[in-house]
Amino acid sequence: MSNTSLNNPELSNATRRSTVENLSNVKDSVAELVHGEKERVQNVWARGKEKALASEKRLEHYVSENPVKSVMIAVGTGVALGWILGRKR
């Protein structure tokens, strides 16, 4: 700030008002951005939840239609994971 603006109260007040207005505009812009992002995240979450529930239903249906095959897949997966994880020790 120059000496002229420090000695001129009207200019100093105008600068303060301008700064306050700019800060208010920034605050409003940030609030709009946050609101938009919140909505976007909620939509993504809702879609993810729907997909997870649909996958759960498909899995339950598959297991009920193929119980022996499902158990064998689970046992095989457990043995494979046990072998992989046990090997590292």
PDB file of N, CA and C in Angstrom:
ATOM      1  N   MET A   1       0.842  -1.164   0.000  1.00  0.00           N
ATOM      2  CA  MET A   1       0.000   0.000   0.000  1.00  0.00           C
ATOM      3  C   MET A   1       0.892   1.233   0.000  1.00  0.00           C
ATOM      4  N   SER A   2       0.522   2.194  -0.765  1.00  0.00           N
ATOM      5  CA  SER A   2       1.346   3.400  -0.845  1.00  0.00           C
ATOM      6  C   SER A   2       0.977   4.353   0.285  1.00  0.00           C
ATOM      7  N   ASN A   3       1.837   5.320   0.483  1.00  0.00           N
ATOM      8  CA  ASN A   3       1.594   6.341   1.501  1.00  0.00           C
ATOM      9  C   ASN A   3       0.318   7.100   1.216  1.00  0.00           C
ATOM     10  N   THR A   4       0.000   7.314  -0.066  1.00  0.00           N
ATOM     11  CA  THR A   4      -1.180   8.073  -0.447  1.00  0.00           C
ATOM     12  C   THR A   4      -2.442   7.402   0.070  1.00  0.00           C
ATOM     13  N   SER A   5      -2.526   6.084  -0.091  1.00  0.00           N
ATOM     14  CA  SER A   5      -3.732   5.393   0.358  1.00  0.00           C
ATOM     15  C   SER A   5      -3.822   5.346   1.877  1.00  0.00           C
ATOM     16  N   LEU A   6      -2.688   5.310   2.562  1.00  0.00           N
ATOM     17  CA  LEU A   6      -2.712   5.328   4.019  1.00  0.00           C
ATOM     18  C   LEU A   6      -3.179   6.668   4.559  1.00  0.00           C
ATOM     19  N   ASN A   7      -2.892   7.748   3.826  1.00  0.00           N
ATOM     20  CA  ASN A   7      -3.271   9.092   4.264  1.00  0.00           C
ATOM     21  C   ASN A   7      -4.674   9.480   3.814  1.00  0.00           C
ATOM     22  N   ASN A   8      -5.291   8.674   2.953  1.00  0.00           N
ATOM     23  CA  ASN A   8      -6.610   8.996   2.429  1.00  0.00           C
ATOM     24  C   ASN A   8      -7.625   8.011   3.013  1.00  0.00           C
ATOM     25  N   PRO A   9      -8.395   8.428   4.034  1.00  0.00           N
ATOM     26  CA  PRO A   9      -9.337   7.517   4.683  1.00  0.00           C
ATOM     27  C   PRO A   9     -10.417   6.986   3.741  1.00  0.00           C
ATOM     28  N   GLU A  10     -10.852   7.799   2.782  1.00  0.00           N
ATOM     29  CA  GLU A  10     -11.882   7.330   1.847  1.00  0.00           C
ATOM     30  C   GLU A  10     -11.369   6.179   0.992  1.00  0.00           C
ATOM     31  N   LEU A  11     -10.137   6.308   0.510  1.00  0.00           N
ATOM     32  CA  LEU A  11      -9.544   5.254  -0.303  1.00  0.00           C
ATOM     33  C   LEU A  11      -9.327   4.002   0.540  1.00  0.00           C
ATOM     34  N   SER A  12      -8.888   4.171   1.792  1.00  0.00           N
ATOM     35  CA  SER A  12      -8.674   3.048   2.687  1.00  0.00           C
ATOM     36  C   SER A  12      -9.993   2.319   2.966  1.00  0.00           C
ATOM     37  N   ASN A  13     -11.067   3.071   3.192  1.00  0.00           N
ATOM     38  CA  ASN A  13     -12.382   2.463   3.423  1.00  0.00           C
ATOM     39  C   ASN A  13     -12.871   1.739   2.175  1.00  0.00           C
ATOM     40  N   ALA A  14     -12.649   2.324   1.015  1.00  0.00           N
ATOM     41  CA  ALA A  14     -13.056   1.692  -0.239  1.00  0.00           C
ATOM     42  C   ALA A  14     -12.300   0.378  -0.434  1.00  0.00           C
ATOM     43  N   THR A  15     -11.034   0.386  -0.087  1.00  0.00           N
ATOM     44  CA  THR A  15     -10.223  -0.823  -0.210  1.00  0.00           C
ATOM     45  C   THR A  15     -10.743  -1.893   0.736  1.00  0.00           C
ATOM     46  N   ARG A  16     -11.092  -1.522   1.960  1.00  0.00           N
ATOM     47  CA  ARG A  16     -11.633  -2.476   2.924  1.00  0.00           C
ATOM     48  C   ARG A  16     -12.952  -3.059   2.425  1.00  0.00           C
ATOM     49  N   ARG A  17     -13.848  -2.174   1.923  1.00  0.00           N
ATOM     50  CA  ARG A  17     -15.135  -2.652   1.408  1.00  0.00           C
ATOM     51  C   ARG A  17     -14.926  -3.615   0.246  1.00  0.00           C
ATOM     52  N   SER A  18     -14.001  -3.274  -0.630  1.00  0.00           N
ATOM     53  CA  SER A  18     -13.715  -4.128  -1.779  1.00  0.00           C
ATOM     54  C   SER A  18     -13.175  -5.482  -1.323  1.00  0.00           C
ATOM     55  N   THR A  19     -12.306  -5.471  -0.332  1.00  0.00           N
ATOM     56  CA  THR A  19     -11.742  -6.714   0.197  1.00  0.00           C
ATOM     57  C   THR A  19     -12.831  -7.556   0.847  1.00  0.00           C
ATOM     58  N   VAL A  20     -13.707  -6.942   1.613  1.00  0.00           N
ATOM     59  CA  VAL A  20     -14.799  -7.657   2.268  1.00  0.00           C
ATOM     60  C   VAL A  20     -15.729  -8.256   1.210  1.00  0.00           C
ATOM     61  N   GLU A  21     -16.033  -7.495   0.164  1.00  0.00           N
ATOM     62  CA  GLU A  21     -16.882  -8.011  -0.910  1.00  0.00           C
ATOM     63  C   GLU A  21     -16.216  -9.193  -1.613  1.00  0.00           C
ATOM     64  N   ASN A  22     -14.914  -9.064  -1.878  1.00  0.00           N
ATOM     65  CA  ASN A  22     -14.184 -10.156  -2.529  1.00  0.00           C
ATOM     66  C   ASN A  22     -14.191 -11.414  -1.655  1.00  0.00           C
ATOM     67  N   LEU A  23     -13.970 -11.243  -0.361  1.00  0.00           N
ATOM     68  CA  LEU A  23     -13.983 -12.392   0.544  1.00  0.00           C
ATOM     69  C   LEU A  23     -15.373 -13.023   0.605  1.00  0.00           C
ATOM     70  N   SER A  24     -16.393 -12.200   0.571  1.00  0.00           N
ATOM     71  CA  SER A  24     -17.757 -12.718   0.581  1.00  0.00           C
ATOM     72  C   SER A  24     -18.029 -13.509  -0.699  1.00  0.00           C
ATOM     73  N   ASN A  25     -17.556 -13.004  -1.829  1.00  0.00           N
ATOM     74  CA  ASN A  25     -17.724 -13.728  -3.095  1.00  0.00           C
ATOM     75  C   ASN A  25     -16.982 -15.058  -3.077  1.00  0.00           C
ATOM     76  N   VAL A  26     -15.784 -15.054  -2.523  1.00  0.00           N
ATOM     77  CA  VAL A  26     -15.005 -16.297  -2.420  1.00  0.00           C
ATOM     78  C   VAL A  26     -15.738 -17.285  -1.527  1.00  0.00           C
ATOM     79  N   LYS A  27     -16.257 -16.812  -0.406  1.00  0.00           N
ATOM     80  CA  LYS A  27     -16.999 -17.667   0.519  1.00  0.00           C
ATOM     81  C   LYS A  27     -18.206 -18.287  -0.179  1.00  0.00           C
ATOM     82  N   ASP A  28     -18.957 -17.482  -0.930  1.00  0.00           N
ATOM     83  CA  ASP A  28     -20.123 -17.997  -1.652  1.00  0.00           C
ATOM     84  C   ASP A  28     -19.716 -19.020  -2.702  1.00  0.00           C
ATOM     85  N   SER A  29     -18.633 -18.749  -3.406  1.00  0.00           N
ATOM     86  CA  SER A  29     -18.156 -19.685  -4.434  1.00  0.00           C
ATOM     87  C   SER A  29     -17.740 -21.010  -3.821  1.00  0.00           C
ATOM     88  N   VAL A  30     -17.039 -20.949  -2.711  1.00  0.00           N
ATOM     89  CA  VAL A  30     -16.606 -22.171  -2.033  1.00  0.00           C
ATOM     90  C   VAL A  30     -17.817 -22.943  -1.519  1.00  0.00           C
ATOM     91  N   ALA A  31     -18.800 -22.236  -0.992  1.00  0.00           N
ATOM     92  CA  ALA A  31     -20.016 -22.900  -0.496  1.00  0.00           C
ATOM     93  C   ALA A  31     -20.736 -23.616  -1.634  1.00  0.00           C
ATOM     94  N   GLU A  32     -20.836 -22.979  -2.799  1.00  0.00           N
ATOM     95  CA  GLU A  32     -21.466 -23.617  -3.960  1.00  0.00           C
ATOM     96  C   GLU A  32     -20.681 -24.855  -4.391  1.00  0.00           C
ATOM     97  N   LEU A  33     -19.363 -24.733  -4.420  1.00  0.00           N
ATOM     98  CA  LEU A  33     -18.513 -25.852  -4.811  1.00  0.00           C
ATOM     99  C   LEU A  33     -18.676 -27.021  -3.845  1.00  0.00           C
ATOM    100  N   VAL A  34     -18.668 -26.747  -2.562  1.00  0.00           N
ATOM    101  CA  VAL A  34     -18.819 -27.793  -1.554  1.00  0.00           C
ATOM    102  C   VAL A  34     -20.185 -28.466  -1.692  1.00  0.00           C
ATOM    103  N   HIS A  35     -21.212 -27.676  -1.899  1.00  0.00           N
ATOM    104  CA  HIS A  35     -22.564 -28.236  -2.054  1.00  0.00           C
ATOM    105  C   HIS A  35     -22.621 -29.154  -3.275  1.00  0.00           C
ATOM    106  N   GLY A  36     -22.046 -28.711  -4.388  1.00  0.00           N
ATOM    107  CA  GLY A  36     -22.037 -29.526  -5.598  1.00  0.00           C
ATOM    108  C   GLY A  36     -21.269 -30.817  -5.414  1.00  0.00           C
ATOM    109  N   GLU A  37     -20.123 -30.746  -4.764  1.00  0.00           N
ATOM    110  CA  GLU A  37     -19.313 -31.944  -4.530  1.00  0.00           C
ATOM    111  C   GLU A  37     -20.015 -32.890  -3.565  1.00  0.00           C
ATOM    112  N   LYS A  38     -20.706 -32.336  -2.578  1.00  0.00           N
ATOM    113  CA  LYS A  38     -21.441 -33.175  -1.629  1.00  0.00           C
ATOM    114  C   LYS A  38     -22.516 -33.968  -2.364  1.00  0.00           C
ATOM    115  N   GLU A  39     -23.229 -33.305  -3.265  1.00  0.00           N
ATOM    116  CA  GLU A  39     -24.257 -33.997  -4.049  1.00  0.00           C
ATOM    117  C   GLU A  39     -23.632 -35.081  -4.925  1.00  0.00           C
ATOM    118  N   ARG A  40     -22.490 -34.760  -5.542  1.00  0.00           N
ATOM    119  CA  ARG A  40     -21.823 -35.728  -6.409  1.00  0.00           C
ATOM    120  C   ARG A  40     -21.393 -36.952  -5.623  1.00  0.00           C
ATOM    121  N   VAL A  41     -20.816 -36.750  -4.457  1.00  0.00           N
ATOM    122  CA  VAL A  41     -20.379 -37.863  -3.614  1.00  0.00           C
ATOM    123  C   VAL A  41     -21.580 -38.696  -3.165  1.00  0.00           C
ATOM    124  N   GLN A  42     -22.669 -38.038  -2.801  1.00  0.00           N
ATOM    125  CA  GLN A  42     -23.868 -38.778  -2.389  1.00  0.00           C
ATOM    126  C   GLN A  42     -24.405 -39.626  -3.536  1.00  0.00           C
ATOM    127  N   ASN A  43     -24.375 -39.099  -4.756  1.00  0.00           N
ATOM    128  CA  ASN A  43     -24.839 -39.862  -5.913  1.00  0.00           C
ATOM    129  C   ASN A  43     -23.938 -41.060  -6.183  1.00  0.00           C
ATOM    130  N   VAL A  44     -22.629 -40.857  -6.105  1.00  0.00           N
ATOM    131  CA  VAL A  44     -21.687 -41.963  -6.322  1.00  0.00           C
ATOM    132  C   VAL A  44     -21.892 -43.031  -5.253  1.00  0.00           C
ATOM    133  N   TRP A  45     -22.068 -42.600  -4.007  1.00  0.00           N
ATOM    134  CA  TRP A  45     -22.283 -43.539  -2.904  1.00  0.00           C
ATOM    135  C   TRP A  45     -23.559 -44.352  -3.129  1.00  0.00           C
ATOM    136  N   ALA A  46     -24.625 -43.677  -3.546  1.00  0.00           N
ATOM    137  CA  ALA A  46     -25.905 -44.360  -3.776  1.00  0.00           C
ATOM    138  C   ALA A  46     -25.775 -45.380  -4.906  1.00  0.00           C
ATOM    139  N   ARG A  47     -25.097 -45.013  -5.988  1.00  0.00           N
ATOM    140  CA  ARG A  47     -24.904 -45.963  -7.092  1.00  0.00           C
ATOM    141  C   ARG A  47     -24.064 -47.150  -6.648  1.00  0.00           C
ATOM    142  N   GLY A  48     -23.013 -46.888  -5.877  1.00  0.00           N
ATOM    143  CA  GLY A  48     -22.172 -47.977  -5.368  1.00  0.00           C
ATOM    144  C   GLY A  48     -22.961 -48.917  -4.464  1.00  0.00           C
ATOM    145  N   LYS A  49     -23.796 -48.346  -3.624  1.00  0.00           N
ATOM    146  CA  LYS A  49     -24.620 -49.154  -2.722  1.00  0.00           C
ATOM    147  C   LYS A  49     -25.596 -50.020  -3.519  1.00  0.00           C
ATOM    148  N   GLU A  50     -26.211 -49.443  -4.558  1.00  0.00           N
ATOM    149  CA  GLU A  50     -27.132 -50.211  -5.400  1.00  0.00           C
ATOM    150  C   GLU A  50     -26.406 -51.380  -6.079  1.00  0.00           C
ATOM    151  N   LYS A  51     -25.216 -51.102  -6.598  1.00  0.00           N
ATOM    152  CA  LYS A  51     -24.450 -52.162  -7.268  1.00  0.00           C
ATOM    153  C   LYS A  51     -24.051 -53.254  -6.286  1.00  0.00           C
ATOM    154  N   ALA A  52     -23.656 -52.869  -5.079  1.00  0.00           N
ATOM    155  CA  ALA A  52     -23.265 -53.864  -4.073  1.00  0.00           C
ATOM    156  C   ALA A  52     -24.462 -54.739  -3.693  1.00  0.00           C
ATOM    157  N   LEU A  53     -25.621 -54.137  -3.519  1.00  0.00           N
ATOM    158  CA  LEU A  53     -26.811 -54.915  -3.178  1.00  0.00           C
ATOM    159  C   LEU A  53     -27.200 -55.858  -4.306  1.00  0.00           C
ATOM    160  N   ALA A  54     -27.082 -55.389  -5.550  1.00  0.00           N
ATOM    161  CA  ALA A  54     -27.398 -56.247  -6.700  1.00  0.00           C
ATOM    162  C   ALA A  54     -26.419 -57.419  -6.774  1.00  0.00           C
ATOM    163  N   SER A  55     -25.142 -57.148  -6.511  1.00  0.00           N
ATOM    164  CA  SER A  55     -24.138 -58.218  -6.517  1.00  0.00           C
ATOM    165  C   SER A  55     -24.416 -59.229  -5.410  1.00  0.00           C
ATOM    166  N   GLU A  56     -24.812 -58.734  -4.252  1.00  0.00           N
ATOM    167  CA  GLU A  56     -25.132 -59.621  -3.140  1.00  0.00           C
ATOM    168  C   GLU A  56     -26.296 -60.543  -3.500  1.00  0.00           C
ATOM    169  N   LYS A  57     -27.314 -59.990  -4.131  1.00  0.00           N
ATOM    170  CA  LYS A  57     -28.471 -60.809  -4.526  1.00  0.00           C
ATOM    171  C   LYS A  57     -28.076 -61.855  -5.561  1.00  0.00           C
ATOM    172  N   ARG A  58     -27.238 -61.457  -6.539  1.00  0.00           N
ATOM    173  CA  ARG A  58     -26.785 -62.423  -7.550  1.00  0.00           C
ATOM    174  C   ARG A  58     -25.988 -63.545  -6.906  1.00  0.00           C
ATOM    175  N   LEU A  59     -25.123 -63.196  -5.944  1.00  0.00           N
ATOM    176  CA  LEU A  59     -24.317 -64.197  -5.249  1.00  0.00           C
ATOM    177  C   LEU A  59     -25.203 -65.146  -4.445  1.00  0.00           C
ATOM    178  N   GLU A  60     -26.169 -64.588  -3.717  1.00  0.00           N
ATOM    179  CA  GLU A  60     -27.079 -65.429  -2.939  1.00  0.00           C
ATOM    180  C   GLU A  60     -27.851 -66.387  -3.851  1.00  0.00           C
ATOM    181  N   HIS A  61     -28.287 -65.888  -4.994  1.00  0.00           N
ATOM    182  CA  HIS A  61     -29.015 -66.730  -5.941  1.00  0.00           C
ATOM    183  C   HIS A  61     -28.102 -67.839  -6.463  1.00  0.00           C
ATOM    184  N   TYR A  62     -26.872 -67.497  -6.826  1.00  0.00           N
ATOM    185  CA  TYR A  62     -25.931 -68.487  -7.347  1.00  0.00           C
ATOM    186  C   TYR A  62     -25.659 -69.577  -6.308  1.00  0.00           C
ATOM    187  N   VAL A  63     -25.424 -69.147  -5.062  1.00  0.00           N
ATOM    188  CA  VAL A  63     -25.132 -70.113  -3.995  1.00  0.00           C
ATOM    189  C   VAL A  63     -26.338 -71.017  -3.744  1.00  0.00           C
ATOM    190  N   SER A  64     -27.528 -70.457  -3.750  1.00  0.00           N
ATOM    191  CA  SER A  64     -28.716 -71.289  -3.508  1.00  0.00           C
ATOM    192  C   SER A  64     -28.977 -72.248  -4.670  1.00  0.00           C
ATOM    193  N   GLU A  65     -28.605 -71.871  -5.875  1.00  0.00           N
ATOM    194  CA  GLU A  65     -28.784 -72.737  -7.038  1.00  0.00           C
ATOM    195  C   GLU A  65     -27.662 -73.769  -7.175  1.00  0.00           C
ATOM    196  N   ASN A  66     -26.479 -73.474  -6.653  1.00  0.00           N
ATOM    197  CA  ASN A  66     -25.305 -74.346  -6.797  1.00  0.00           C
ATOM    198  C   ASN A  66     -24.592 -74.521  -5.460  1.00  0.00           C
ATOM    199  N   PRO A  67     -25.227 -75.132  -4.464  1.00  0.00           N
ATOM    200  CA  PRO A  67     -24.621 -75.192  -3.131  1.00  0.00           C
ATOM    201  C   PRO A  67     -23.321 -75.995  -3.093  1.00  0.00           C
ATOM    202  N   VAL A  68     -23.268 -77.140  -3.755  1.00  0.00           N
ATOM    203  CA  VAL A  68     -22.052 -77.965  -3.706  1.00  0.00           C
ATOM    204  C   VAL A  68     -20.900 -77.246  -4.404  1.00  0.00           C
ATOM    205  N   LYS A  69     -21.181 -76.717  -5.571  1.00  0.00           N
ATOM    206  CA  LYS A  69     -20.149 -75.999  -6.323  1.00  0.00           C
ATOM    207  C   LYS A  69     -19.654 -74.791  -5.516  1.00  0.00           C
ATOM    208  N   SER A  70     -20.556 -74.088  -4.853  1.00  0.00           N
ATOM    209  CA  SER A  70     -20.186 -72.916  -4.048  1.00  0.00           C
ATOM    210  C   SER A  70     -19.273 -73.302  -2.893  1.00  0.00           C
ATOM    211  N   VAL A  71     -19.606 -74.410  -2.221  1.00  0.00           N
ATOM    212  CA  VAL A  71     -18.769 -74.873  -1.108  1.00  0.00           C
ATOM    213  C   VAL A  71     -17.395 -75.278  -1.621  1.00  0.00           C
ATOM    214  N   MET A  72     -17.350 -75.962  -2.758  1.00  0.00           N
ATOM    215  CA  MET A  72     -16.062 -76.386  -3.312  1.00  0.00           C
ATOM    216  C   MET A  72     -15.207 -75.185  -3.710  1.00  0.00           C
ATOM    217  N   ILE A  73     -15.846 -74.159  -4.275  1.00  0.00           N
ATOM    218  CA  ILE A  73     -15.110 -72.935  -4.623  1.00  0.00           C
ATOM    219  C   ILE A  73     -14.571 -72.280  -3.357  1.00  0.00           C
ATOM    220  N   ALA A  74     -15.386 -72.221  -2.311  1.00  0.00           N
ATOM    221  CA  ALA A  74     -14.946 -71.613  -1.047  1.00  0.00           C
ATOM    222  C   ALA A  74     -13.792 -72.392  -0.443  1.00  0.00           C
ATOM    223  N   VAL A  75     -13.880 -73.718  -0.446  1.00  0.00           N
ATOM    224  CA  VAL A  75     -12.810 -74.549   0.104  1.00  0.00           C
ATOM    225  C   VAL A  75     -11.530 -74.353  -0.713  1.00  0.00           C
ATOM    226  N   GLY A  76     -11.664 -74.378  -2.032  1.00  0.00           N
ATOM    227  CA  GLY A  76     -10.495 -74.182  -2.890  1.00  0.00           C
ATOM    228  C   GLY A  76      -9.837 -72.834  -2.680  1.00  0.00           C
ATOM    229  N   THR A  77     -10.660 -71.814  -2.552  1.00  0.00           N
ATOM    230  CA  THR A  77     -10.136 -70.468  -2.305  1.00  0.00           C
ATOM    231  C   THR A  77      -9.417 -70.413  -0.961  1.00  0.00           C
ATOM    232  N   GLY A  78     -10.004 -71.035   0.062  1.00  0.00           N
ATOM    233  CA  GLY A  78      -9.375 -71.052   1.386  1.00  0.00           C
ATOM    234  C   GLY A  78      -8.053 -71.793   1.379  1.00  0.00           C
ATOM    235  N   VAL A  79      -8.001 -72.934   0.695  1.00  0.00           N
ATOM    236  CA  VAL A  79      -6.754 -73.704   0.608  1.00  0.00           C
ATOM    237  C   VAL A  79      -5.697 -72.886  -0.125  1.00  0.00           C
ATOM    238  N   ALA A  80      -6.078 -72.278  -1.242  1.00  0.00           N
ATOM    239  CA  ALA A  80      -5.117 -71.491  -2.021  1.00  0.00           C
ATOM    240  C   ALA A  80      -4.585 -70.316  -1.202  1.00  0.00           C
ATOM    241  N   LEU A  81      -5.465 -69.601  -0.529  1.00  0.00           N
ATOM    242  CA  LEU A  81      -5.012 -68.474   0.306  1.00  0.00           C
ATOM    243  C   LEU A  81      -4.145 -68.956   1.457  1.00  0.00           C
ATOM    244  N   GLY A  82      -4.523 -70.061   2.077  1.00  0.00           N
ATOM    245  CA  GLY A  82      -3.716 -70.616   3.161  1.00  0.00           C
ATOM    246  C   GLY A  82      -2.334 -70.995   2.675  1.00  0.00           C
ATOM    247  N   TRP A  83      -2.267 -71.574   1.498  1.00  0.00           N
ATOM    248  CA  TRP A  83      -0.971 -71.972   0.941  1.00  0.00           C
ATOM    249  C   TRP A  83      -0.123 -70.748   0.620  1.00  0.00           C
ATOM    250  N   ILE A  84      -0.727 -69.733  -0.005  1.00  0.00           N
ATOM    251  CA  ILE A  84       0.013 -68.504  -0.371  1.00  0.00           C
ATOM    252  C   ILE A  84       0.477 -67.780   0.872  1.00  0.00           C
ATOM    253  N   LEU A  85      -0.411 -67.597   1.835  1.00  0.00           N
ATOM    254  CA  LEU A  85      -0.060 -66.844   3.049  1.00  0.00           C
ATOM    255  C   LEU A  85       0.883 -67.652   3.946  1.00  0.00           C
ATOM    256  N   GLY A  86       0.721 -68.958   3.966  1.00  0.00           N
ATOM    257  CA  GLY A  86       1.586 -69.806   4.785  1.00  0.00           C
ATOM    258  C   GLY A  86       2.987 -69.886   4.242  1.00  0.00           C
ATOM    259  N   ARG A  87       3.150 -69.730   2.941  1.00  0.00           N
ATOM    260  CA  ARG A  87       4.451 -69.794   2.300  1.00  0.00           C
ATOM    261  C   ARG A  87       5.342 -68.638   2.683  1.00  0.00           C
ATOM    262  N   LYS A  88       4.784 -67.506   3.001  1.00  0.00           N
ATOM    263  CA  LYS A  88       5.554 -66.298   3.299  1.00  0.00           C
ATOM    264  C   LYS A  88       6.236 -66.358   4.661  1.00  0.00           C
ATOM    265  N   ARG A  89       5.813 -67.237   5.501  1.00  0.00           N
ATOM    266  CA  ARG A  89       6.371 -67.298   6.865  1.00  0.00           C
ATOM    267  C   ARG A  89       7.625 -68.033   6.887  1.00  0.00           C
TER     268      ARG A  89
END
